[in-house]
Amino acid sequence: MFRSEEPVTFTKSTNGINGLKNYVCEFQKNIPIEKSNMVSWENGAVHFLDFRPGYVVFLKAEPAAETKKALQKLDSLLEGVTIAG
């Protein structure tokens, strides 16, 4: 999460890649998406909130139980299959 005690404004450089100068790195994990202040989940899509240059978000997704079973079955069916080419 980005934090700064000064008002933050970002102006994109026309000469190269730039970012914010004064920043703090704050690491948090296992945050339910509904409690996140960086992303939201609406209508099956992830929406980034106030996402600024230099921000990094890692999302871990797990398929629904029914989908997971189907993927495991597919994996076992394909085990040992070799594609000639």
C-alpha atoms as a PDB file:
ATOM      1  CA  MET A   1       0.000   0.000   0.000  1.00  0.00           C
ATOM      2  CA  PHE A   2       1.300   3.469  -0.834  1.00  0.00           C
ATOM      3  CA  ARG A   3       1.481   6.004   1.968  1.00  0.00           C
ATOM      4  CA  SER A   4       2.811   9.533   1.927  1.00  0.00           C
ATOM      5  CA  GLU A   5       2.447  12.445   4.289  1.00  0.00           C
ATOM      6  CA  GLU A   6       2.547  14.875   1.386  1.00  0.00           C
ATOM      7  CA  PRO A   7      -0.227  15.365  -1.165  1.00  0.00           C
ATOM      8  CA  VAL A   8       0.550  13.064  -4.075  1.00  0.00           C
ATOM      9  CA  THR A   9       0.365  14.063  -7.694  1.00  0.00           C
ATOM     10  CA  PHE A  10       1.840  12.050 -10.512  1.00  0.00           C
ATOM     11  CA  THR A  11       2.918  13.502 -13.818  1.00  0.00           C
ATOM     12  CA  LYS A  12       3.969  11.066 -16.508  1.00  0.00           C
ATOM     13  CA  SER A  13       7.365  11.849 -18.019  1.00  0.00           C
ATOM     14  CA  THR A  14       7.565  12.210 -21.780  1.00  0.00           C
ATOM     15  CA  ASN A  15      11.242  11.128 -21.668  1.00  0.00           C
ATOM     16  CA  GLY A  16      10.976   7.731 -19.960  1.00  0.00           C
ATOM     17  CA  ILE A  17       9.466   5.643 -17.197  1.00  0.00           C
ATOM     18  CA  ASN A  18       9.009   7.470 -13.931  1.00  0.00           C
ATOM     19  CA  GLY A  19       7.127   7.028 -10.690  1.00  0.00           C
ATOM     20  CA  LEU A  20       6.568   8.546  -7.294  1.00  0.00           C
ATOM     21  CA  LYS A  21       9.586   9.676  -5.265  1.00  0.00           C
ATOM     22  CA  ASN A  22       8.549   9.345  -1.622  1.00  0.00           C
ATOM     23  CA  TYR A  23       6.947   6.045  -0.812  1.00  0.00           C
ATOM     24  CA  VAL A  24       6.630   3.356   1.832  1.00  0.00           C
ATOM     25  CA  CYS A  25       6.304  -0.353   1.101  1.00  0.00           C
ATOM     26  CA  GLU A  26       3.652  -2.020   3.193  1.00  0.00           C
ATOM     27  CA  PHE A  27       3.172  -5.769   2.829  1.00  0.00           C
ATOM     28  CA  GLN A  28      -0.111  -7.395   3.744  1.00  0.00           C
ATOM     29  CA  LYS A  29      -1.341 -10.887   2.975  1.00  0.00           C
ATOM     30  CA  ASN A  30      -4.495 -12.970   3.171  1.00  0.00           C
ATOM     31  CA  ILE A  31      -6.782  -9.973   2.750  1.00  0.00           C
ATOM     32  CA  PRO A  32     -10.275 -10.914   1.557  1.00  0.00           C
ATOM     33  CA  ILE A  33     -11.009  -9.017  -1.652  1.00  0.00           C
ATOM     34  CA  GLU A  34     -14.069  -7.362  -0.067  1.00  0.00           C
ATOM     35  CA  LYS A  35     -11.774  -5.768   2.546  1.00  0.00           C
ATOM     36  CA  SER A  36      -9.104  -4.622   0.080  1.00  0.00           C
ATOM     37  CA  ASN A  37      -8.548  -0.933  -0.547  1.00  0.00           C
ATOM     38  CA  MET A  38      -6.599  -1.672  -3.771  1.00  0.00           C
ATOM     39  CA  VAL A  39      -9.028  -3.886  -5.706  1.00  0.00           C
ATOM     40  CA  SER A  40     -12.719  -4.703  -5.782  1.00  0.00           C
ATOM     41  CA  TRP A  41     -14.703  -7.574  -7.290  1.00  0.00           C
ATOM     42  CA  GLU A  42     -17.772  -6.681  -9.332  1.00  0.00           C
ATOM     43  CA  ASN A  43     -19.705  -8.672 -11.933  1.00  0.00           C
ATOM     44  CA  GLY A  44     -17.004 -11.334 -12.166  1.00  0.00           C
ATOM     45  CA  ALA A  45     -14.159  -8.871 -12.762  1.00  0.00           C
ATOM     46  CA  VAL A  46     -11.358  -7.418 -10.648  1.00  0.00           C
ATOM     47  CA  HIS A  47     -11.312  -3.603 -10.613  1.00  0.00           C
ATOM     48  CA  PHE A  48      -8.206  -1.710  -9.519  1.00  0.00           C
ATOM     49  CA  LEU A  49      -8.881   1.221  -7.183  1.00  0.00           C
ATOM     50  CA  ASP A  50      -6.643   4.305  -7.317  1.00  0.00           C
ATOM     51  CA  PHE A  51      -3.857   2.170  -8.824  1.00  0.00           C
ATOM     52  CA  ARG A  52      -0.715   4.290  -9.224  1.00  0.00           C
ATOM     53  CA  PRO A  53       2.676   3.737 -10.882  1.00  0.00           C
ATOM     54  CA  GLY A  54       4.821   1.447  -8.746  1.00  0.00           C
ATOM     55  CA  TYR A  55       1.899  -0.348  -7.113  1.00  0.00           C
ATOM     56  CA  VAL A  56       2.023  -4.136  -7.093  1.00  0.00           C
ATOM     57  CA  VAL A  57      -0.881  -6.459  -6.363  1.00  0.00           C
ATOM     58  CA  PHE A  58      -0.720 -10.244  -6.229  1.00  0.00           C
ATOM     59  CA  LEU A  59      -3.997 -12.099  -6.548  1.00  0.00           C
ATOM     60  CA  LYS A  60      -4.388 -15.772  -5.734  1.00  0.00           C
ATOM     61  CA  ALA A  61      -7.423 -17.436  -7.229  1.00  0.00           C
ATOM     62  CA  GLU A  62      -8.718 -20.927  -6.657  1.00  0.00           C
ATOM     63  CA  PRO A  63     -11.315 -22.586  -8.872  1.00  0.00           C
ATOM     64  CA  ALA A  64     -14.676 -23.544  -7.439  1.00  0.00           C
ATOM     65  CA  ALA A  65     -14.867 -27.083  -6.001  1.00  0.00           C
ATOM     66  CA  GLU A  66     -16.779 -28.429  -9.020  1.00  0.00           C
ATOM     67  CA  THR A  67     -14.293 -26.896 -11.467  1.00  0.00           C
ATOM     68  CA  LYS A  68     -11.359 -28.168  -9.414  1.00  0.00           C
ATOM     69  CA  LYS A  69     -12.715 -31.745  -9.589  1.00  0.00           C
ATOM     70  CA  ALA A  70     -13.113 -31.462 -13.368  1.00  0.00           C
ATOM     71  CA  LEU A  71      -9.548 -30.163 -13.745  1.00  0.00           C
ATOM     72  CA  GLN A  72      -8.191 -33.007 -11.593  1.00  0.00           C
ATOM     73  CA  LYS A  73     -10.074 -35.540 -13.741  1.00  0.00           C
ATOM     74  CA  LEU A  74      -8.722 -33.956 -16.924  1.00  0.00           C
ATOM     75  CA  ASP A  75      -5.209 -34.004 -15.463  1.00  0.00           C
ATOM     76  CA  SER A  76      -5.480 -37.718 -14.650  1.00  0.00           C
ATOM     77  CA  LEU A  77      -6.834 -38.474 -18.154  1.00  0.00           C
ATOM     78  CA  LEU A  78      -3.897 -36.642 -19.752  1.00  0.00           C
ATOM     79  CA  GLU A  79      -1.286 -38.231 -17.508  1.00  0.00           C
ATOM     80  CA  GLY A  80       1.171 -40.123 -19.655  1.00  0.00           C
ATOM     81  CA  VAL A  81      -0.216 -38.765 -22.938  1.00  0.00           C
ATOM     82  CA  THR A  82       2.487 -37.749 -25.364  1.00  0.00           C
ATOM     83  CA  ILE A  83       1.817 -35.472 -28.310  1.00  0.00           C
ATOM     84  CA  ALA A  84       3.932 -36.274 -31.348  1.00  0.00           C
ATOM     85  CA  GLY A  85       5.158 -33.330 -33.232  1.00  0.00           C
END
